[in-house]
């Protein structure tokens, strides 16, 4: 097994010595940007779209739709008010249990802590750490 690894390592060293990648400098960047600029100059400029005036049939269709919506709204309000006019609502009186001041203090303290924790977690979602955690959870789920 080690003989095979030695042969592969020698082959890789030999290939690395034979292949020489050119060093990229500012001239390469300038050539790329000049090609991009040349391509952008050859592209035709997009023509401005001028909104065509609405045709007469489109205007009439809009007017008829508005009138239909108004009639439907009037009918819904009229028949809804008519059907709800005869309804009698009897709301029973419900007694609220008495809560002591110490219980209210505890509940409000826990509520403040819960809102604070939720706010911190929400803010954490927008940091780089939060993005990494979300991507990790998405891959896991």
N, C-alpha and C. Protein backbone atom coordinates (compact mmCIF):
# COMPACT_ATOMS: atom_id res chain seq x y z
N UNK A 1 0.82 -1.19 0.00
CA UNK A 1 0.00 0.00 0.00
C UNK A 1 0.87 1.25 0.00
N UNK A 2 1.95 1.27 0.77
CA UNK A 2 2.80 2.45 0.83
C UNK A 2 3.53 2.65 -0.50
N UNK A 3 3.84 1.56 -1.20
CA UNK A 3 4.50 1.67 -2.50
C UNK A 3 3.60 2.45 -3.48
N UNK A 4 2.31 2.17 -3.44
CA UNK A 4 1.36 2.86 -4.31
C UNK A 4 1.29 4.35 -3.96
N UNK A 5 1.28 4.68 -2.68
CA UNK A 5 1.24 6.08 -2.25
C UNK A 5 2.50 6.82 -2.68
N UNK A 6 3.66 6.16 -2.59
CA UNK A 6 4.91 6.79 -3.01
C UNK A 6 4.90 7.06 -4.51
N UNK A 7 4.38 6.13 -5.28
CA UNK A 7 4.32 6.32 -6.74
C UNK A 7 3.39 7.47 -7.08
N UNK A 8 2.21 7.54 -6.41
CA UNK A 8 1.27 8.62 -6.67
C UNK A 8 1.86 9.97 -6.29
N UNK A 9 2.58 10.04 -5.18
CA UNK A 9 3.19 11.29 -4.75
C UNK A 9 4.26 11.73 -5.74
N UNK A 10 5.06 10.78 -6.25
CA UNK A 10 6.10 11.11 -7.23
C UNK A 10 5.47 11.61 -8.52
N UNK A 11 4.38 10.97 -8.95
CA UNK A 11 3.69 11.41 -10.16
C UNK A 11 3.13 12.82 -9.99
N UNK A 12 2.57 13.10 -8.85
CA UNK A 12 2.00 14.43 -8.61
C UNK A 12 3.09 15.49 -8.62
N UNK A 13 4.24 15.22 -7.97
CA UNK A 13 5.35 16.17 -7.98
C UNK A 13 5.84 16.41 -9.40
N UNK A 14 5.91 15.34 -10.19
CA UNK A 14 6.36 15.47 -11.57
C UNK A 14 5.40 16.33 -12.38
N UNK A 15 4.11 16.12 -12.20
CA UNK A 15 3.12 16.93 -12.93
C UNK A 15 3.18 18.39 -12.51
N UNK A 16 3.36 18.65 -11.22
CA UNK A 16 3.43 20.03 -10.74
C UNK A 16 4.65 20.75 -11.33
N UNK A 17 5.76 20.04 -11.51
CA UNK A 17 6.95 20.65 -12.10
C UNK A 17 6.75 20.94 -13.58
N UNK A 18 5.97 20.09 -14.27
CA UNK A 18 5.78 20.25 -15.71
C UNK A 18 4.78 21.35 -16.06
N UNK A 19 3.76 21.53 -15.22
CA UNK A 19 2.72 22.52 -15.51
C UNK A 19 3.04 23.80 -14.77
N UNK A 20 3.24 24.87 -15.52
CA UNK A 20 3.52 26.18 -14.94
C UNK A 20 2.38 27.12 -15.31
N UNK A 21 1.66 27.60 -14.34
CA UNK A 21 0.56 28.54 -14.56
C UNK A 21 1.13 29.95 -14.62
N UNK A 22 0.68 30.75 -15.57
CA UNK A 22 1.20 32.12 -15.65
C UNK A 22 0.68 32.96 -14.48
N UNK A 23 1.51 33.87 -14.03
CA UNK A 23 1.11 34.76 -12.95
C UNK A 23 0.22 35.87 -13.53
N UNK A 24 -0.91 36.09 -12.91
CA UNK A 24 -1.83 37.12 -13.38
C UNK A 24 -1.51 38.43 -12.69
N UNK A 25 -1.43 39.50 -13.47
CA UNK A 25 -1.12 40.80 -12.91
C UNK A 25 -2.13 41.82 -13.41
N UNK A 26 -1.79 43.08 -13.30
CA UNK A 26 -2.70 44.16 -13.70
C UNK A 26 -3.00 44.17 -15.19
N UNK A 27 -2.06 43.68 -16.01
CA UNK A 27 -2.31 43.67 -17.46
C UNK A 27 -3.46 42.74 -17.81
N UNK A 28 -3.54 41.61 -17.12
CA UNK A 28 -4.63 40.67 -17.38
C UNK A 28 -5.97 41.31 -17.00
N UNK A 29 -6.03 41.96 -15.85
CA UNK A 29 -7.26 42.62 -15.42
C UNK A 29 -7.66 43.70 -16.42
N UNK A 30 -6.68 44.48 -16.89
CA UNK A 30 -6.98 45.55 -17.84
C UNK A 30 -7.52 44.98 -19.14
N UNK A 31 -6.96 43.85 -19.60
CA UNK A 31 -7.44 43.24 -20.83
C UNK A 31 -8.87 42.73 -20.67
N UNK A 32 -9.18 42.14 -19.53
CA UNK A 32 -10.54 41.63 -19.29
C UNK A 32 -11.53 42.79 -19.27
N UNK A 33 -11.20 43.87 -18.56
CA UNK A 33 -12.13 45.00 -18.49
C UNK A 33 -12.29 45.68 -19.83
N UNK A 34 -11.22 45.72 -20.64
CA UNK A 34 -11.36 46.33 -21.97
C UNK A 34 -12.28 45.48 -22.84
N UNK A 35 -12.23 44.16 -22.72
CA UNK A 35 -13.15 43.31 -23.47
C UNK A 35 -14.59 43.51 -23.02
N UNK A 36 -14.79 43.65 -21.72
CA UNK A 36 -16.14 43.89 -21.20
C UNK A 36 -16.68 45.22 -21.70
N UNK A 37 -15.84 46.27 -21.69
CA UNK A 37 -16.27 47.57 -22.18
C UNK A 37 -16.59 47.53 -23.67
N UNK A 38 -15.78 46.80 -24.44
CA UNK A 38 -16.04 46.70 -25.88
C UNK A 38 -17.36 45.98 -26.14
N UNK A 39 -17.65 44.93 -25.38
CA UNK A 39 -18.91 44.21 -25.55
C UNK A 39 -20.09 45.09 -25.16
N UNK A 40 -19.91 45.91 -24.12
CA UNK A 40 -21.00 46.78 -23.68
C UNK A 40 -21.27 47.87 -24.71
N UNK A 41 -20.24 48.35 -25.41
CA UNK A 41 -20.43 49.39 -26.42
C UNK A 41 -21.09 48.84 -27.68
N UNK A 42 -20.85 47.55 -27.98
CA UNK A 42 -21.46 46.95 -29.16
C UNK A 42 -22.94 46.66 -28.96
N UNK A 43 -23.35 46.46 -27.71
CA UNK A 43 -24.75 46.12 -27.43
C UNK A 43 -25.63 47.32 -27.72
N UNK A 44 -26.77 47.10 -28.38
CA UNK A 44 -27.66 48.23 -28.67
C UNK A 44 -28.31 48.74 -27.40
N UNK A 45 -28.50 50.04 -27.35
CA UNK A 45 -29.12 50.65 -26.17
C UNK A 45 -30.60 50.28 -26.16
N UNK A 46 -31.13 49.92 -25.01
CA UNK A 46 -32.54 49.57 -24.96
C UNK A 46 -33.42 50.78 -25.24
N UNK A 47 -34.42 50.58 -26.06
CA UNK A 47 -35.33 51.67 -26.40
C UNK A 47 -36.24 51.95 -25.22
N UNK A 48 -36.52 53.22 -25.01
CA UNK A 48 -37.42 53.57 -23.91
C UNK A 48 -38.83 53.16 -24.26
N UNK A 49 -39.48 52.59 -23.29
CA UNK A 49 -40.86 52.19 -23.51
C UNK A 49 -41.76 53.36 -23.13
N UNK A 50 -42.54 53.77 -24.07
CA UNK A 50 -43.49 54.85 -23.81
C UNK A 50 -44.85 54.19 -23.64
N UNK A 51 -45.50 54.52 -22.55
CA UNK A 51 -46.78 53.91 -22.27
C UNK A 51 -47.79 54.36 -23.31
N UNK A 52 -48.41 53.40 -23.95
CA UNK A 52 -49.42 53.70 -24.95
C UNK A 52 -50.69 54.12 -24.23
N UNK A 53 -51.42 55.06 -24.80
CA UNK A 53 -52.66 55.46 -24.16
C UNK A 53 -53.65 54.29 -24.13
N UNK A 54 -54.42 54.23 -23.08
CA UNK A 54 -55.38 53.15 -22.93
C UNK A 54 -56.45 53.26 -24.01
N UNK A 55 -56.83 52.12 -24.54
CA UNK A 55 -57.85 52.14 -25.58
C UNK A 55 -59.21 52.40 -24.96
N UNK A 56 -60.16 52.75 -25.81
CA UNK A 56 -61.51 53.07 -25.33
C UNK A 56 -62.15 51.85 -24.68
N UNK A 57 -61.92 50.67 -25.25
CA UNK A 57 -62.54 49.47 -24.67
C UNK A 57 -61.95 49.16 -23.29
N UNK A 58 -60.66 49.42 -23.10
CA UNK A 58 -60.05 49.18 -21.79
C UNK A 58 -60.62 50.14 -20.76
N UNK A 59 -60.85 51.40 -21.15
CA UNK A 59 -61.44 52.37 -20.22
C UNK A 59 -62.87 51.97 -19.84
N UNK A 60 -63.65 51.55 -20.84
CA UNK A 60 -65.02 51.12 -20.55
C UNK A 60 -65.03 49.88 -19.66
N UNK A 61 -64.13 48.95 -19.91
CA UNK A 61 -64.06 47.76 -19.08
C UNK A 61 -63.73 48.12 -17.63
N UNK A 62 -62.83 49.07 -17.45
CA UNK A 62 -62.48 49.52 -16.10
C UNK A 62 -63.68 50.17 -15.41
N UNK A 63 -64.40 51.01 -16.13
CA UNK A 63 -65.58 51.69 -15.57
C UNK A 63 -66.64 50.67 -15.17
N UNK A 64 -66.90 49.70 -16.03
CA UNK A 64 -67.90 48.68 -15.74
C UNK A 64 -67.48 47.84 -14.53
N UNK A 65 -66.20 47.52 -14.43
CA UNK A 65 -65.71 46.76 -13.26
C UNK A 65 -65.87 47.54 -11.97
N UNK A 66 -65.60 48.83 -11.99
CA UNK A 66 -65.76 49.67 -10.80
C UNK A 66 -67.23 49.73 -10.40
N UNK A 67 -68.10 49.89 -11.40
CA UNK A 67 -69.54 49.93 -11.09
C UNK A 67 -70.00 48.59 -10.51
N UNK A 68 -69.56 47.48 -11.05
CA UNK A 68 -69.94 46.17 -10.54
C UNK A 68 -69.44 45.96 -9.12
N UNK A 69 -68.22 46.38 -8.84
CA UNK A 69 -67.68 46.25 -7.48
C UNK A 69 -68.48 47.13 -6.51
N UNK A 70 -68.89 48.32 -6.93
CA UNK A 70 -69.68 49.20 -6.07
C UNK A 70 -71.04 48.59 -5.77
N UNK A 71 -71.69 48.02 -6.78
CA UNK A 71 -72.99 47.38 -6.58
C UNK A 71 -72.85 46.20 -5.63
N UNK A 72 -71.82 45.37 -5.82
CA UNK A 72 -71.62 44.22 -4.95
C UNK A 72 -71.39 44.68 -3.51
N UNK A 73 -70.62 45.73 -3.30
CA UNK A 73 -70.36 46.24 -1.97
C UNK A 73 -71.64 46.75 -1.31
N UNK A 74 -72.46 47.49 -2.07
CA UNK A 74 -73.73 48.00 -1.53
C UNK A 74 -74.63 46.84 -1.13
N UNK A 75 -74.72 45.81 -1.96
CA UNK A 75 -75.56 44.66 -1.65
C UNK A 75 -75.07 43.92 -0.40
N UNK A 76 -73.78 43.73 -0.28
CA UNK A 76 -73.23 43.05 0.89
C UNK A 76 -73.52 43.85 2.15
N UNK A 77 -73.31 45.16 2.11
CA UNK A 77 -73.57 45.99 3.29
C UNK A 77 -75.05 45.99 3.63
N UNK A 78 -75.93 46.14 2.64
CA UNK A 78 -77.38 46.20 2.88
C UNK A 78 -77.89 44.90 3.48
N UNK A 79 -77.61 43.77 2.82
CA UNK A 79 -78.13 42.50 3.31
C UNK A 79 -77.41 42.05 4.58
N UNK A 80 -76.16 42.40 4.74
CA UNK A 80 -75.45 42.08 5.97
C UNK A 80 -76.03 42.84 7.15
N UNK A 81 -76.31 44.13 6.98
CA UNK A 81 -76.91 44.92 8.06
C UNK A 81 -78.31 44.42 8.36
N UNK A 82 -79.07 44.05 7.33
CA UNK A 82 -80.43 43.55 7.52
C UNK A 82 -80.43 42.23 8.30
N UNK A 83 -79.50 41.35 7.98
CA UNK A 83 -79.47 40.06 8.67
C UNK A 83 -78.93 40.18 10.08
N UNK A 84 -78.05 41.11 10.34
CA UNK A 84 -77.50 41.28 11.68
C UNK A 84 -78.37 42.16 12.56
N UNK A 85 -79.38 42.85 12.00
CA UNK A 85 -80.22 43.74 12.80
C UNK A 85 -81.08 42.96 13.78
N UNK A 86 -81.49 41.75 13.40
CA UNK A 86 -82.38 40.98 14.28
C UNK A 86 -81.63 40.10 15.27
N UNK A 87 -80.34 40.13 15.25
CA UNK A 87 -79.55 39.28 16.13
C UNK A 87 -79.38 39.97 17.47
N UNK A 88 -79.74 39.26 18.52
CA UNK A 88 -79.53 39.77 19.86
C UNK A 88 -78.35 39.03 20.48
N UNK A 89 -77.43 39.78 20.99
CA UNK A 89 -76.24 39.18 21.56
C UNK A 89 -76.30 39.37 23.07
N UNK A 90 -76.31 38.26 23.76
CA UNK A 90 -76.27 38.29 25.22
C UNK A 90 -74.88 37.89 25.67
N UNK A 91 -74.16 38.86 26.19
CA UNK A 91 -72.80 38.59 26.64
C UNK A 91 -72.87 38.26 28.12
N UNK A 92 -72.48 37.04 28.47
CA UNK A 92 -72.53 36.70 29.90
C UNK A 92 -71.42 37.42 30.65
N UNK A 93 -71.71 37.72 31.88
CA UNK A 93 -70.68 38.36 32.69
C UNK A 93 -69.75 37.28 33.24
N UNK A 94 -68.50 37.50 33.05
CA UNK A 94 -67.50 36.55 33.50
C UNK A 94 -66.66 37.22 34.57
N UNK A 95 -66.53 36.54 35.69
CA UNK A 95 -65.71 37.11 36.75
C UNK A 95 -64.26 36.73 36.51
N UNK A 96 -63.39 37.70 36.63
CA UNK A 96 -61.96 37.50 36.42
C UNK A 96 -61.34 37.11 37.76
N UNK A 97 -60.54 36.06 37.78
CA UNK A 97 -59.93 35.67 39.06
C UNK A 97 -58.93 36.72 39.53
N UNK A 98 -58.83 36.84 40.83
CA UNK A 98 -57.91 37.80 41.42
C UNK A 98 -56.49 37.25 41.37
N UNK A 99 -55.56 38.08 40.93
CA UNK A 99 -54.15 37.68 40.82
C UNK A 99 -53.36 38.56 41.78
N UNK A 100 -52.50 37.93 42.56
CA UNK A 100 -51.72 38.69 43.54
C UNK A 100 -50.62 39.49 42.85
N UNK A 101 -50.11 40.47 43.56
CA UNK A 101 -49.07 41.35 43.02
C UNK A 101 -47.77 40.58 42.76
N UNK A 102 -47.45 39.62 43.63
CA UNK A 102 -46.20 38.86 43.42
C UNK A 102 -46.30 37.98 42.17
N UNK A 103 -47.48 37.41 41.94
CA UNK A 103 -47.66 36.61 40.72
C UNK A 103 -47.52 37.49 39.49
N UNK A 104 -48.09 38.68 39.53
CA UNK A 104 -47.97 39.61 38.40
C UNK A 104 -46.51 40.01 38.18
N UNK A 105 -45.76 40.21 39.25
CA UNK A 105 -44.34 40.54 39.11
C UNK A 105 -43.59 39.40 38.45
N UNK A 106 -43.85 38.18 38.86
CA UNK A 106 -43.17 37.02 38.27
C UNK A 106 -43.52 36.88 36.79
N UNK A 107 -44.81 36.99 36.48
CA UNK A 107 -45.25 36.84 35.09
C UNK A 107 -44.65 37.94 34.22
N UNK A 108 -44.68 39.18 34.70
CA UNK A 108 -44.12 40.27 33.90
C UNK A 108 -42.61 40.12 33.75
N UNK A 109 -41.93 39.64 34.79
CA UNK A 109 -40.48 39.41 34.68
C UNK A 109 -40.16 38.34 33.66
N UNK A 110 -40.94 37.24 33.66
CA UNK A 110 -40.71 36.18 32.67
C UNK A 110 -41.04 36.67 31.26
N UNK A 111 -42.09 37.50 31.15
CA UNK A 111 -42.45 38.03 29.84
C UNK A 111 -41.34 38.93 29.30
N UNK A 112 -40.77 39.75 30.15
CA UNK A 112 -39.66 40.62 29.72
C UNK A 112 -38.48 39.78 29.26
N UNK A 113 -38.15 38.74 30.01
CA UNK A 113 -37.04 37.88 29.63
C UNK A 113 -37.32 37.15 28.32
N UNK A 114 -38.55 36.70 28.11
CA UNK A 114 -38.89 36.00 26.87
C UNK A 114 -38.81 36.94 25.67
N UNK A 115 -39.31 38.16 25.83
CA UNK A 115 -39.25 39.13 24.73
C UNK A 115 -37.80 39.50 24.44
N UNK A 116 -36.99 39.67 25.47
CA UNK A 116 -35.57 39.99 25.29
C UNK A 116 -34.85 38.86 24.56
N UNK A 117 -35.10 37.62 24.98
CA UNK A 117 -34.46 36.47 24.32
C UNK A 117 -34.89 36.37 22.87
N UNK A 118 -36.18 36.56 22.61
CA UNK A 118 -36.67 36.50 21.22
C UNK A 118 -36.05 37.60 20.38
N UNK A 119 -35.90 38.81 20.94
CA UNK A 119 -35.29 39.93 20.22
C UNK A 119 -33.82 39.64 19.91
N UNK A 120 -33.10 39.08 20.86
CA UNK A 120 -31.69 38.77 20.63
C UNK A 120 -31.53 37.68 19.58
N UNK A 121 -32.39 36.67 19.63
CA UNK A 121 -32.32 35.60 18.62
C UNK A 121 -32.65 36.16 17.24
N UNK A 122 -33.66 37.03 17.17
CA UNK A 122 -34.02 37.64 15.89
C UNK A 122 -32.87 38.48 15.35
N UNK A 123 -32.22 39.25 16.21
CA UNK A 123 -31.08 40.08 15.79
C UNK A 123 -29.90 39.20 15.38
N UNK A 124 -29.71 38.08 16.05
CA UNK A 124 -28.61 37.17 15.73
C UNK A 124 -28.77 36.58 14.33
N UNK A 125 -30.00 36.46 13.88
CA UNK A 125 -30.23 35.88 12.55
C UNK A 125 -29.58 36.70 11.44
N UNK A 126 -29.36 38.00 11.67
CA UNK A 126 -28.83 38.88 10.65
C UNK A 126 -27.32 39.07 10.75
N UNK A 127 -26.66 38.34 11.60
CA UNK A 127 -25.20 38.40 11.69
C UNK A 127 -24.61 37.24 10.91
N UNK A 128 -23.31 37.26 10.71
CA UNK A 128 -22.66 36.17 9.98
C UNK A 128 -22.78 34.86 10.74
N UNK A 129 -22.71 34.93 12.05
CA UNK A 129 -22.87 33.71 12.86
C UNK A 129 -24.28 33.14 12.67
N UNK A 130 -25.28 34.01 12.68
CA UNK A 130 -26.66 33.56 12.49
C UNK A 130 -26.87 32.94 11.12
N UNK A 131 -26.26 33.54 10.09
CA UNK A 131 -26.40 32.97 8.74
C UNK A 131 -25.76 31.59 8.67
N UNK A 132 -24.60 31.44 9.32
CA UNK A 132 -23.96 30.12 9.33
C UNK A 132 -24.81 29.10 10.08
N UNK A 133 -25.39 29.50 11.21
CA UNK A 133 -26.24 28.59 11.97
C UNK A 133 -27.47 28.19 11.16
N UNK A 134 -28.09 29.17 10.47
CA UNK A 134 -29.27 28.85 9.66
C UNK A 134 -28.93 27.90 8.53
N UNK A 135 -27.79 28.15 7.85
CA UNK A 135 -27.41 27.25 6.75
C UNK A 135 -27.12 25.86 7.28
N UNK A 136 -26.51 25.77 8.46
CA UNK A 136 -26.25 24.47 9.06
C UNK A 136 -27.54 23.76 9.42
N UNK A 137 -28.52 24.50 9.96
CA UNK A 137 -29.81 23.90 10.29
C UNK A 137 -30.56 23.47 9.04
N UNK A 138 -30.46 24.27 7.97
CA UNK A 138 -31.15 23.91 6.73
C UNK A 138 -30.56 22.62 6.14
N UNK A 139 -29.26 22.46 6.25
CA UNK A 139 -28.64 21.23 5.75
C UNK A 139 -29.02 20.05 6.62
N UNK A 140 -29.17 20.29 7.92
CA UNK A 140 -29.52 19.22 8.84
C UNK A 140 -30.97 18.79 8.65
N UNK A 141 -31.84 19.77 8.46
CA UNK A 141 -33.27 19.45 8.31
C UNK A 141 -33.52 19.09 6.88
